[in-house]
Amino acid sequence: MKKKRVLILGGGFGGIYAALEFEKRQDLDFEVTLISQDNFFLFTPMLHEVAASDLDLTHIVNPIRKMLRYVHFFEGEVRSVDIMKRRGSGPPRGVCSDRTRSRTWTICYPQIG
């Protein structure tokens, strides 16, 4: 049986928690990729405590790659999504815009916003 390719767009709350749910299940029928323009997750509800010096910034910022072991992580942007071909593409972060990578999916979770 062919693996289902899941593409999660966005590394905010929705994208991270969707990826973490796939992490918990470790279902071999799915190949999951998370695409985010940042390589970290910022827990914004506690940002005011950092501003008040009650917490250190390191308590609310987590590297995405360390959070995910089984979900693939790609740091970059999605500049185009072709729903009919089930393909998203964009440049990796820090690379000039003429170089793009594309990713196909079976299931897509757009969590951008």
PDB file of N, CA and C in Angstrom:
ATOM      1  N   MET A   1       0.834  -1.184   0.000  1.00  0.00           N
ATOM      2  CA  MET A   1       0.000   0.000   0.000  1.00  0.00           C
ATOM      3  C   MET A   1       0.878   1.247   0.000  1.00  0.00           C
ATOM      4  N   LYS A   2       0.521   2.218  -0.826  1.00  0.00           N
ATOM      5  CA  LYS A   2       1.287   3.440  -0.943  1.00  0.00           C
ATOM      6  C   LYS A   2       0.992   4.360   0.251  1.00  0.00           C
ATOM      7  N   LYS A   3       2.040   5.014   0.751  1.00  0.00           N
ATOM      8  CA  LYS A   3       1.868   5.935   1.882  1.00  0.00           C
ATOM      9  C   LYS A   3       1.081   7.166   1.456  1.00  0.00           C
ATOM     10  N   LYS A   4       0.264   7.664   2.385  1.00  0.00           N
ATOM     11  CA  LYS A   4      -0.425   8.922   2.156  1.00  0.00           C
ATOM     12  C   LYS A   4       0.519  10.043   2.550  1.00  0.00           C
ATOM     13  N   ARG A   5       0.673  11.026   1.671  1.00  0.00           N
ATOM     14  CA  ARG A   5       1.569  12.153   1.942  1.00  0.00           C
ATOM     15  C   ARG A   5       0.751  13.314   2.489  1.00  0.00           C
ATOM     16  N   VAL A   6       1.078  13.715   3.699  1.00  0.00           N
ATOM     17  CA  VAL A   6       0.378  14.804   4.367  1.00  0.00           C
ATOM     18  C   VAL A   6       1.292  16.022   4.360  1.00  0.00           C
ATOM     19  N   LEU A   7       0.762  17.149   3.927  1.00  0.00           N
ATOM     20  CA  LEU A   7       1.508  18.394   3.888  1.00  0.00           C
ATOM     21  C   LEU A   7       0.823  19.383   4.826  1.00  0.00           C
ATOM     22  N   ILE A   8       1.548  19.821   5.854  1.00  0.00           N
ATOM     23  CA  ILE A   8       1.031  20.808   6.800  1.00  0.00           C
ATOM     24  C   ILE A   8       1.700  22.134   6.479  1.00  0.00           C
ATOM     25  N   LEU A   9       0.891  23.123   6.141  1.00  0.00           N
ATOM     26  CA  LEU A   9       1.413  24.434   5.770  1.00  0.00           C
ATOM     27  C   LEU A   9       1.279  25.376   6.954  1.00  0.00           C
ATOM     28  N   GLY A  10       2.386  25.805   7.524  1.00  0.00           N
ATOM     29  CA  GLY A  10       2.364  26.752   8.631  1.00  0.00           C
ATOM     30  C   GLY A  10       2.785  26.121   9.940  1.00  0.00           C
ATOM     31  N   GLY A  11       3.660  26.819  10.669  1.00  0.00           N
ATOM     32  CA  GLY A  11       4.194  26.303  11.924  1.00  0.00           C
ATOM     33  C   GLY A  11       3.663  27.020  13.146  1.00  0.00           C
ATOM     34  N   GLY A  12       2.435  27.554  13.056  1.00  0.00           N
ATOM     35  CA  GLY A  12       1.800  28.168  14.219  1.00  0.00           C
ATOM     36  C   GLY A  12       1.135  27.106  15.071  1.00  0.00           C
ATOM     37  N   PHE A  13       0.181  27.522  15.895  1.00  0.00           N
ATOM     38  CA  PHE A  13      -0.490  26.581  16.789  1.00  0.00           C
ATOM     39  C   PHE A  13      -1.157  25.432  16.041  1.00  0.00           C
ATOM     40  N   GLY A  14      -1.914  25.753  14.994  1.00  0.00           N
ATOM     41  CA  GLY A  14      -2.613  24.710  14.248  1.00  0.00           C
ATOM     42  C   GLY A  14      -1.671  23.721  13.594  1.00  0.00           C
ATOM     43  N   GLY A  15      -0.642  24.238  12.937  1.00  0.00           N
ATOM     44  CA  GLY A  15       0.320  23.373  12.250  1.00  0.00           C
ATOM     45  C   GLY A  15       1.136  22.522  13.198  1.00  0.00           C
ATOM     46  N   ILE A  16       1.618  23.125  14.292  1.00  0.00           N
ATOM     47  CA  ILE A  16       2.432  22.376  15.260  1.00  0.00           C
ATOM     48  C   ILE A  16       1.616  21.285  15.932  1.00  0.00           C
ATOM     49  N   TYR A  17       0.403  21.617  16.361  1.00  0.00           N
ATOM     50  CA  TYR A  17      -0.391  20.609  17.061  1.00  0.00           C
ATOM     51  C   TYR A  17      -0.881  19.508  16.130  1.00  0.00           C
ATOM     52  N   ALA A  18      -1.111  19.821  14.846  1.00  0.00           N
ATOM     53  CA  ALA A  18      -1.423  18.763  13.871  1.00  0.00           C
ATOM     54  C   ALA A  18      -0.216  17.844  13.711  1.00  0.00           C
ATOM     55  N   ALA A  19       0.988  18.433  13.606  1.00  0.00           N
ATOM     56  CA  ALA A  19       2.214  17.632  13.470  1.00  0.00           C
ATOM     57  C   ALA A  19       2.462  16.793  14.716  1.00  0.00           C
ATOM     58  N   LEU A  20       2.234  17.362  15.893  1.00  0.00           N
ATOM     59  CA  LEU A  20       2.436  16.614  17.136  1.00  0.00           C
ATOM     60  C   LEU A  20       1.461  15.446  17.262  1.00  0.00           C
ATOM     61  N   GLU A  21       0.266  15.619  16.724  1.00  0.00           N
ATOM     62  CA  GLU A  21      -0.703  14.513  16.738  1.00  0.00           C
ATOM     63  C   GLU A  21      -0.209  13.361  15.865  1.00  0.00           C
ATOM     64  N   PHE A  22       0.362  13.682  14.696  1.00  0.00           N
ATOM     65  CA  PHE A  22       0.950  12.638  13.856  1.00  0.00           C
ATOM     66  C   PHE A  22       2.166  12.012  14.541  1.00  0.00           C
ATOM     67  N   GLU A  23       2.928  12.819  15.286  1.00  0.00           N
ATOM     68  CA  GLU A  23       4.073  12.301  16.049  1.00  0.00           C
ATOM     69  C   GLU A  23       3.627  11.240  17.045  1.00  0.00           C
ATOM     70  N   LYS A  24       2.546  11.520  17.754  1.00  0.00           N
ATOM     71  CA  LYS A  24       2.051  10.581  18.771  1.00  0.00           C
ATOM     72  C   LYS A  24       1.642   9.258  18.150  1.00  0.00           C
ATOM     73  N   ARG A  25       1.004   9.337  16.996  1.00  0.00           N
ATOM     74  CA  ARG A  25       0.484   8.115  16.364  1.00  0.00           C
ATOM     75  C   ARG A  25       1.560   7.286  15.678  1.00  0.00           C
ATOM     76  N   GLN A  26       2.560   7.933  15.119  1.00  0.00           N
ATOM     77  CA  GLN A  26       3.641   7.263  14.391  1.00  0.00           C
ATOM     78  C   GLN A  26       3.102   6.222  13.414  1.00  0.00           C
ATOM     79  N   ASP A  27       2.075   6.606  12.691  1.00  0.00           N
ATOM     80  CA  ASP A  27       1.427   5.715  11.732  1.00  0.00           C
ATOM     81  C   ASP A  27       2.295   5.600  10.485  1.00  0.00           C
ATOM     82  N   LEU A  28       2.714   4.402  10.160  1.00  0.00           N
ATOM     83  CA  LEU A  28       3.599   4.173   9.013  1.00  0.00           C
ATOM     84  C   LEU A  28       2.891   4.349   7.672  1.00  0.00           C
ATOM     85  N   ASP A  29       1.561   4.504   7.686  1.00  0.00           N
ATOM     86  CA  ASP A  29       0.816   4.730   6.451  1.00  0.00           C
ATOM     87  C   ASP A  29       0.889   6.181   5.987  1.00  0.00           C
ATOM     88  N   PHE A  30       1.457   7.056   6.824  1.00  0.00           N
ATOM     89  CA  PHE A  30       1.525   8.476   6.512  1.00  0.00           C
ATOM     90  C   PHE A  30       2.961   8.964   6.464  1.00  0.00           C
ATOM     91  N   GLU A  31       3.247   9.800   5.484  1.00  0.00           N
ATOM     92  CA  GLU A  31       4.510  10.524   5.420  1.00  0.00           C
ATOM     93  C   GLU A  31       4.143  11.999   5.570  1.00  0.00           C
ATOM     94  N   VAL A  32       4.523  12.589   6.699  1.00  0.00           N
ATOM     95  CA  VAL A  32       4.067  13.931   7.052  1.00  0.00           C
ATOM     96  C   VAL A  32       5.212  14.928   6.917  1.00  0.00           C
ATOM     97  N   THR A  33       4.925  16.075   6.305  1.00  0.00           N
ATOM     98  CA  THR A  33       5.884  17.165   6.160  1.00  0.00           C
ATOM     99  C   THR A  33       5.239  18.446   6.657  1.00  0.00           C
ATOM    100  N   LEU A  34       5.952  19.157   7.511  1.00  0.00           N
ATOM    101  CA  LEU A  34       5.531  20.474   7.989  1.00  0.00           C
ATOM    102  C   LEU A  34       6.397  21.526   7.324  1.00  0.00           C
ATOM    103  N   ILE A  35       5.764  22.524   6.704  1.00  0.00           N
ATOM    104  CA  ILE A  35       6.497  23.622   6.081  1.00  0.00           C
ATOM    105  C   ILE A  35       6.195  24.894   6.852  1.00  0.00           C
ATOM    106  N   SER A  36       7.250  25.552   7.312  1.00  0.00           N
ATOM    107  CA  SER A  36       7.102  26.804   8.045  1.00  0.00           C
ATOM    108  C   SER A  36       8.239  27.738   7.651  1.00  0.00           C
ATOM    109  N   GLN A  37       7.969  29.033   7.652  1.00  0.00           N
ATOM    110  CA  GLN A  37       9.031  29.980   7.310  1.00  0.00           C
ATOM    111  C   GLN A  37       9.957  30.231   8.487  1.00  0.00           C
ATOM    112  N   ASP A  38       9.561  29.815   9.689  1.00  0.00           N
ATOM    113  CA  ASP A  38      10.415  29.942  10.871  1.00  0.00           C
ATOM    114  C   ASP A  38      10.805  28.556  11.361  1.00  0.00           C
ATOM    115  N   ASN A  39      12.003  28.431  11.911  1.00  0.00           N
ATOM    116  CA  ASN A  39      12.438  27.132  12.416  1.00  0.00           C
ATOM    117  C   ASN A  39      12.176  26.996  13.919  1.00  0.00           C
ATOM    118  N   PHE A  40      11.290  27.836  14.446  1.00  0.00           N
ATOM    119  CA  PHE A  40      10.967  27.781  15.868  1.00  0.00           C
ATOM    120  C   PHE A  40       9.467  27.986  16.061  1.00  0.00           C
ATOM    121  N   PHE A  41       8.980  27.542  17.210  1.00  0.00           N
ATOM    122  CA  PHE A  41       7.593  27.747  17.606  1.00  0.00           C
ATOM    123  C   PHE A  41       7.589  28.693  18.793  1.00  0.00           C
ATOM    124  N   LEU A  42       6.844  29.786  18.681  1.00  0.00           N
ATOM    125  CA  LEU A  42       6.759  30.787  19.736  1.00  0.00           C
ATOM    126  C   LEU A  42       5.403  30.655  20.423  1.00  0.00           C
ATOM    127  N   PHE A  43       5.428  30.364  21.725  1.00  0.00           N
ATOM    128  CA  PHE A  43       4.196  30.228  22.501  1.00  0.00           C
ATOM    129  C   PHE A  43       3.755  31.629  22.929  1.00  0.00           C
ATOM    130  N   THR A  44       3.003  32.301  22.056  1.00  0.00           N
ATOM    131  CA  THR A  44       2.658  33.710  22.251  1.00  0.00           C
ATOM    132  C   THR A  44       1.797  34.014  23.475  1.00  0.00           C
ATOM    133  N   PRO A  45       0.956  33.109  23.996  1.00  0.00           N
ATOM    134  CA  PRO A  45       0.169  33.471  25.180  1.00  0.00           C
ATOM    135  C   PRO A  45       1.018  33.837  26.404  1.00  0.00           C
ATOM    136  N   MET A  46       2.270  33.434  26.427  1.00  0.00           N
ATOM    137  CA  MET A  46       3.114  33.750  27.571  1.00  0.00           C
ATOM    138  C   MET A  46       4.134  34.842  27.253  1.00  0.00           C
ATOM    139  N   LEU A  47       3.985  35.482  26.102  1.00  0.00           N
ATOM    140  CA  LEU A  47       4.921  36.523  25.697  1.00  0.00           C
ATOM    141  C   LEU A  47       4.915  37.714  26.664  1.00  0.00           C
ATOM    142  N   HIS A  48       3.761  38.017  27.229  1.00  0.00           N
ATOM    143  CA  HIS A  48       3.693  39.142  28.165  1.00  0.00           C
ATOM    144  C   HIS A  48       4.513  38.883  29.430  1.00  0.00           C
ATOM    145  N   GLU A  49       4.666  37.610  29.805  1.00  0.00           N
ATOM    146  CA  GLU A  49       5.472  37.291  30.983  1.00  0.00           C
ATOM    147  C   GLU A  49       6.958  37.491  30.710  1.00  0.00           C
ATOM    148  N   VAL A  50       7.366  37.317  29.468  1.00  0.00           N
ATOM    149  CA  VAL A  50       8.753  37.611  29.105  1.00  0.00           C
ATOM    150  C   VAL A  50       8.973  39.122  29.154  1.00  0.00           C
ATOM    151  N   ALA A  51       8.002  39.878  28.643  1.00  0.00           N
ATOM    152  CA  ALA A  51       8.117  41.336  28.666  1.00  0.00           C
ATOM    153  C   ALA A  51       8.182  41.877  30.095  1.00  0.00           C
ATOM    154  N   ALA A  52       7.500  41.204  31.021  1.00  0.00           N
ATOM    155  CA  ALA A  52       7.506  41.622  32.425  1.00  0.00           C
ATOM    156  C   ALA A  52       8.685  41.043  33.196  1.00  0.00           C
ATOM    157  N   SER A  53       9.557  40.326  32.523  1.00  0.00           N
ATOM    158  CA  SER A  53      10.740  39.675  33.119  1.00  0.00           C
ATOM    159  C   SER A  53      10.388  38.595  34.133  1.00  0.00           C
ATOM    160  N   ASP A  54       9.186  38.011  34.009  1.00  0.00           N
ATOM    161  CA  ASP A  54       8.811  36.885  34.870  1.00  0.00           C
ATOM    162  C   ASP A  54       9.319  35.559  34.303  1.00  0.00           C
ATOM    163  N   LEU A  55       9.519  35.498  32.999  1.00  0.00           N
ATOM    164  CA  LEU A  55      10.019  34.293  32.329  1.00  0.00           C
ATOM    165  C   LEU A  55      11.154  34.673  31.389  1.00  0.00           C
ATOM    166  N   ASP A  56      12.028  33.718  31.155  1.00  0.00           N
ATOM    167  CA  ASP A  56      13.080  33.898  30.167  1.00  0.00           C
ATOM    168  C   ASP A  56      12.522  33.498  28.801  1.00  0.00           C
ATOM    169  N   LEU A  57      12.995  34.127  27.757  1.00  0.00           N
ATOM    170  CA  LEU A  57      12.529  33.849  26.402  1.00  0.00           C
ATOM    171  C   LEU A  57      12.696  32.373  26.021  1.00  0.00           C
ATOM    172  N   THR A  58      13.706  31.727  26.569  1.00  0.00           N
ATOM    173  CA  THR A  58      13.958  30.322  26.227  1.00  0.00           C
ATOM    174  C   THR A  58      12.840  29.395  26.705  1.00  0.00           C
ATOM    175  N   HIS A  59      11.970  29.860  27.593  1.00  0.00           N
ATOM    176  CA  HIS A  59      10.860  29.039  28.075  1.00  0.00           C
ATOM    177  C   HIS A  59       9.671  29.023  27.123  1.00  0.00           C
ATOM    178  N   ILE A  60       9.611  29.985  26.206  1.00  0.00           N
ATOM    179  CA  ILE A  60       8.455  30.045  25.310  1.00  0.00           C
ATOM    180  C   ILE A  60       8.821  29.868  23.835  1.00  0.00           C
ATOM    181  N   VAL A  61      10.089  29.691  23.534  1.00  0.00           N
ATOM    182  CA  VAL A  61      10.535  29.466  22.155  1.00  0.00           C
ATOM    183  C   VAL A  61      11.130  28.063  22.071  1.00  0.00           C
ATOM    184  N   ASN A  62      10.608  27.262  21.135  1.00  0.00           N
ATOM    185  CA  ASN A  62      11.095  25.891  20.954  1.00  0.00           C
ATOM    186  C   ASN A  62      11.478  25.656  19.504  1.00  0.00           C
ATOM    187  N   PRO A  63      12.649  25.060  19.254  1.00  0.00           N
ATOM    188  CA  PRO A  63      13.019  24.715  17.876  1.00  0.00           C
ATOM    189  C   PRO A  63      12.096  23.614  17.341  1.00  0.00           C
ATOM    190  N   ILE A  64      11.545  23.827  16.160  1.00  0.00           N
ATOM    191  CA  ILE A  64      10.599  22.860  15.596  1.00  0.00           C
ATOM    192  C   ILE A  64      11.263  21.515  15.342  1.00  0.00           C
ATOM    193  N   ARG A  65      12.484  21.517  14.849  1.00  0.00           N
ATOM    194  CA  ARG A  65      13.152  20.240  14.540  1.00  0.00           C
ATOM    195  C   ARG A  65      13.328  19.366  15.777  1.00  0.00           C
ATOM    196  N   LYS A  66      13.516  19.973  16.936  1.00  0.00           N
ATOM    197  CA  LYS A  66      13.664  19.186  18.161  1.00  0.00           C
ATOM    198  C   LYS A  66      12.327  18.671  18.678  1.00  0.00           C
ATOM    199  N   MET A  67      11.241  19.326  18.302  1.00  0.00           N
ATOM    200  CA  MET A  67       9.906  18.900  18.720  1.00  0.00           C
ATOM    201  C   MET A  67       9.425  17.697  17.911  1.00  0.00           C
ATOM    202  N   LEU A  68       9.931  17.560  16.692  1.00  0.00           N
ATOM    203  CA  LEU A  68       9.430  16.545  15.760  1.00  0.00           C
ATOM    204  C   LEU A  68      10.526  15.547  15.407  1.00  0.00           C
ATOM    205  N   ARG A  69      10.238  14.275  15.608  1.00  0.00           N
ATOM    206  CA  ARG A  69      11.195  13.225  15.241  1.00  0.00           C
ATOM    207  C   ARG A  69      10.780  12.496  13.964  1.00  0.00           C
ATOM    208  N   TYR A  70       9.489  12.273  13.789  1.00  0.00           N
ATOM    209  CA  TYR A  70       9.005  11.468  12.674  1.00  0.00           C
ATOM    210  C   TYR A  70       8.386  12.309  11.569  1.00  0.00           C
ATOM    211  N   VAL A  71       8.009  13.524  11.893  1.00  0.00           N
ATOM    212  CA  VAL A  71       7.459  14.437  10.894  1.00  0.00           C
ATOM    213  C   VAL A  71       8.624  15.190  10.257  1.00  0.00           C
ATOM    214  N   HIS A  72       8.655  15.223   8.935  1.00  0.00           N
ATOM    215  CA  HIS A  72       9.709  15.953   8.222  1.00  0.00           C
ATOM    216  C   HIS A  72       9.434  17.447   8.342  1.00  0.00           C
ATOM    217  N   PHE A  73      10.500  18.215   8.483  1.00  0.00           N
ATOM    218  CA  PHE A  73      10.355  19.664   8.591  1.00  0.00           C
ATOM    219  C   PHE A  73      11.110  20.326   7.454  1.00  0.00           C
ATOM    220  N   PHE A  74      10.456  21.295   6.822  1.00  0.00           N
ATOM    221  CA  PHE A  74      11.058  22.064   5.743  1.00  0.00           C
ATOM    222  C   PHE A  74      10.904  23.538   6.078  1.00  0.00           C
ATOM    223  N   GLU A  75      12.027  24.240   6.226  1.00  0.00           N
ATOM    224  CA  GLU A  75      11.986  25.670   6.510  1.00  0.00           C
ATOM    225  C   GLU A  75      11.986  26.434   5.196  1.00  0.00           C
ATOM    226  N   GLY A  76      10.895  27.087   4.923  1.00  0.00           N
ATOM    227  CA  GLY A  76      10.768  27.840   3.682  1.00  0.00           C
ATOM    228  C   GLY A  76       9.381  28.415   3.562  1.00  0.00           C
ATOM    229  N   GLU A  77       9.080  28.918   2.398  1.00  0.00           N
ATOM    230  CA  GLU A  77       7.787  29.532   2.125  1.00  0.00           C
ATOM    231  C   GLU A  77       7.030  28.697   1.107  1.00  0.00           C
ATOM    232  N   VAL A  78       5.719  28.788   1.160  1.00  0.00           N
ATOM    233  CA  VAL A  78       4.887  28.222   0.111  1.00  0.00           C
ATOM    234  C   VAL A  78       4.367  29.406  -0.682  1.00  0.00           C
ATOM    235  N   ARG A  79       4.803  29.504  -1.910  1.00  0.00           N
ATOM    236  CA  ARG A  79       4.403  30.652  -2.739  1.00  0.00           C
ATOM    237  C   ARG A  79       3.265  30.304  -3.686  1.00  0.00           C
ATOM    238  N   SER A  80       3.096  29.024  -3.960  1.00  0.00           N
ATOM    239  CA  SER A  80       1.981  28.635  -4.823  1.00  0.00           C
ATOM    240  C   SER A  80       1.453  27.266  -4.399  1.00  0.00           C
ATOM    241  N   VAL A  81       0.152  27.117  -4.544  1.00  0.00           N
ATOM    242  CA  VAL A  81      -0.518  25.850  -4.245  1.00  0.00           C
ATOM    243  C   VAL A  81      -1.418  25.531  -5.424  1.00  0.00           C
ATOM    244  N   ASP A  82      -1.207  24.366  -6.016  1.00  0.00           N
ATOM    245  CA  ASP A  82      -2.043  23.907  -7.120  1.00  0.00           C
ATOM    246  C   ASP A  82      -2.935  22.797  -6.575  1.00  0.00           C
ATOM    247  N   ILE A  83      -4.197  23.136  -6.338  1.00  0.00           N
ATOM    248  CA  ILE A  83      -5.137  22.193  -5.745  1.00  0.00           C
ATOM    249  C   ILE A  83      -5.383  21.002  -6.669  1.00  0.00           C
ATOM    250  N   MET A  84      -5.500  21.256  -7.972  1.00  0.00           N
ATOM    251  CA  MET A  84      -5.801  20.178  -8.918  1.00  0.00           C
ATOM    252  C   MET A  84      -4.658  19.162  -9.008  1.00  0.00           C
ATOM    253  N   LYS A  85      -3.419  19.641  -9.005  1.00  0.00           N
ATOM    254  CA  LYS A  85      -2.263  18.746  -9.090  1.00  0.00           C
ATOM    255  C   LYS A  85      -1.782  18.291  -7.716  1.00  0.00           C
ATOM    256  N   ARG A  86      -2.378  18.868  -6.650  1.00  0.00           N
ATOM    257  CA  ARG A  86      -1.977  18.560  -5.280  1.00  0.00           C
ATOM    258  C   ARG A  86      -0.484  18.800  -5.076  1.00  0.00           C
ATOM    259  N   ARG A  87      -0.077  20.021  -5.377  1.00  0.00           N
ATOM    260  CA  ARG A  87       1.332  20.376  -5.288  1.00  0.00           C
ATOM    261  C   ARG A  87       1.475  21.772  -4.705  1.00  0.00           C
ATOM    262  N   GLY A  88       2.386  21.903  -3.749  1.00  0.00           N
ATOM    263  CA  GLY A  88       2.741  23.204  -3.204  1.00  0.00           C
ATOM    264  C   GLY A  88       4.210  23.443  -3.500  1.00  0.00           C
ATOM    265  N   SER A  89       4.568  24.692  -3.804  1.00  0.00           N
ATOM    266  CA  SER A  89       5.970  24.960  -4.112  1.00  0.00           C
ATOM    267  C   SER A  89       6.378  26.332  -3.608  1.00  0.00           C
ATOM    268  N   GLY A  90       7.669  26.472  -3.388  1.00  0.00           N
ATOM    269  CA  GLY A  90       8.242  27.727  -2.929  1.00  0.00           C
ATOM    270  C   GLY A  90       9.719  27.544  -2.657  1.00  0.00           C
ATOM    271  N   PRO A  91      10.413  28.664  -2.412  1.00  0.00           N
ATOM    272  CA  PRO A  91      11.853  28.582  -2.176  1.00  0.00           C
ATOM    273  C   PRO A  91      12.175  28.219  -0.734  1.00  0.00           C
ATOM    274  N   PRO A  92      13.278  27.520  -0.514  1.00  0.00           N
ATOM    275  CA  PRO A  92      13.755  27.323   0.851  1.00  0.00           C
ATOM    276  C   PRO A  92      14.148  28.666   1.453  1.00  0.00           C
ATOM    277  N   ARG A  93      14.137  28.760   2.744  1.00  0.00           N
ATOM    278  CA  ARG A  93      14.480  30.016   3.415  1.00  0.00           C
ATOM    279  C   ARG A  93      15.932  30.387   3.141  1.00  0.00           C
ATOM    280  N   GLY A  94      16.164  31.657   2.836  1.00  0.00           N
ATOM    281  CA  GLY A  94      17.513  32.148   2.626  1.00  0.00           C
ATOM    282  C   GLY A  94      18.068  31.877   1.242  1.00  0.00           C
ATOM    283  N   VAL A  95      17.232  31.389   0.334  1.00  0.00           N
ATOM    284  CA  VAL A  95      17.679  31.077  -1.028  1.00  0.00           C
ATOM    285  C   VAL A  95      16.973  32.032  -1.976  1.00  0.00           C
ATOM    286  N   CYS A  96      17.675  32.492  -3.000  1.00  0.00           N
ATOM    287  CA  CYS A  96      17.053  33.414  -3.946  1.00  0.00           C
ATOM    288  C   CYS A  96      15.823  32.771  -4.592  1.00  0.00           C
ATOM    289  N   SER A  97      14.873  33.589  -4.948  1.00  0.00           N
ATOM    290  CA  SER A  97      13.544  33.118  -5.319  1.00  0.00           C
ATOM    291  C   SER A  97      13.467  32.313  -6.611  1.00  0.00           C
ATOM    292  N   ASP A  98      14.528  32.246  -7.414  1.00  0.00           N
ATOM    293  CA  ASP A  98      14.441  31.466  -8.646  1.00  0.00           C
ATOM    294  C   ASP A  98      14.623  29.965  -8.395  1.00  0.00           C
ATOM    295  N   ARG A  99      15.091  29.597  -7.203  1.00  0.00           N
ATOM    296  CA  ARG A  99      15.207  28.169  -6.852  1.00  0.00           C
ATOM    297  C   ARG A  99      14.005  27.774  -6.015  1.00  0.00           C
ATOM    298  N   THR A 100      13.199  26.874  -6.520  1.00  0.00           N
ATOM    299  CA  THR A 100      12.033  26.447  -5.765  1.00  0.00           C
ATOM    300  C   THR A 100      12.059  24.941  -5.573  1.00  0.00           C
ATOM    301  N   ARG A 101      11.382  24.516  -4.535  1.00  0.00           N
ATOM    302  CA  ARG A 101      11.164  23.092  -4.294  1.00  0.00           C
ATOM    303  C   ARG A 101       9.668  22.872  -4.281  1.00  0.00           C
ATOM    304  N   SER A 102       9.250  21.733  -4.726  1.00  0.00           N
ATOM    305  CA  SER A 102       7.819  21.458  -4.706  1.00  0.00           C
ATOM    306  C   SER A 102       7.563  20.161  -3.967  1.00  0.00           C
ATOM    307  N   ARG A 103       6.358  20.047  -3.449  1.00  0.00           N
ATOM    308  CA  ARG A 103       5.970  18.894  -2.638  1.00  0.00           C
ATOM    309  C   ARG A 103       4.549  18.519  -3.017  1.00  0.00           C
ATOM    310  N   THR A 104       4.321  17.249  -3.288  1.00  0.00           N
ATOM    311  CA  THR A 104       2.968  16.785  -3.579  1.00  0.00           C
ATOM    312  C   THR A 104       2.360  16.213  -2.311  1.00  0.00           C
ATOM    313  N   TRP A 105       1.034  16.119  -2.288  1.00  0.00           N
ATOM    314  CA  TRP A 105       0.371  15.606  -1.101  1.00  0.00           C
ATOM    315  C   TRP A 105      -0.845  14.771  -1.453  1.00  0.00           C
ATOM    316  N   THR A 106      -1.258  13.968  -0.506  1.00  0.00           N
ATOM    317  CA  THR A 106      -2.530  13.268  -0.570  1.00  0.00           C
ATOM    318  C   THR A 106      -3.539  14.056   0.265  1.00  0.00           C
ATOM    319  N   ILE A 107      -3.070  14.541   1.411  1.00  0.00           N
ATOM    320  CA  ILE A 107      -3.887  15.328   2.340  1.00  0.00           C
ATOM    321  C   ILE A 107      -3.122  16.615   2.647  1.00  0.00           C
ATOM    322  N   CYS A 108      -3.811  17.758   2.603  1.00  0.00           N
ATOM    323  CA  CYS A 108      -3.164  19.037   2.879  1.00  0.00           C
ATOM    324  C   CYS A 108      -3.884  19.733   4.034  1.00  0.00           C
ATOM    325  N   TYR A 109      -3.095  20.202   5.015  1.00  0.00           N
ATOM    326  CA  TYR A 109      -3.623  20.981   6.134  1.00  0.00           C
ATOM    327  C   TYR A 109      -3.080  22.404   6.035  1.00  0.00           C
ATOM    328  N   PRO A 110      -3.841  23.326   5.434  1.00  0.00           N
ATOM    329  CA  PRO A 110      -3.352  24.710   5.412  1.00  0.00           C
ATOM    330  C   PRO A 110      -3.612  25.383   6.754  1.00  0.00           C
ATOM    331  N   GLN A 111      -2.552  25.660   7.494  1.00  0.00           N
ATOM    332  CA  GLN A 111      -2.647  26.269   8.828  1.00  0.00           C
ATOM    333  C   GLN A 111      -1.963  27.618   8.848  1.00  0.00           C
ATOM    334  N   ILE A 112      -2.155  28.381   7.801  1.00  0.00           N
ATOM    335  CA  ILE A 112      -1.468  29.663   7.676  1.00  0.00           C
ATOM    336  C   ILE A 112      -2.383  30.762   8.216  1.00  0.00           C
ATOM    337  N   GLY A 113      -1.776  31.655   9.008  1.00  0.00           N
ATOM    338  CA  GLY A 113      -2.583  32.784   9.477  1.00  0.00           C
ATOM    339  C   GLY A 113      -2.214  33.239  10.846  1.00  0.00           C
TER     340      GLY A 113
END
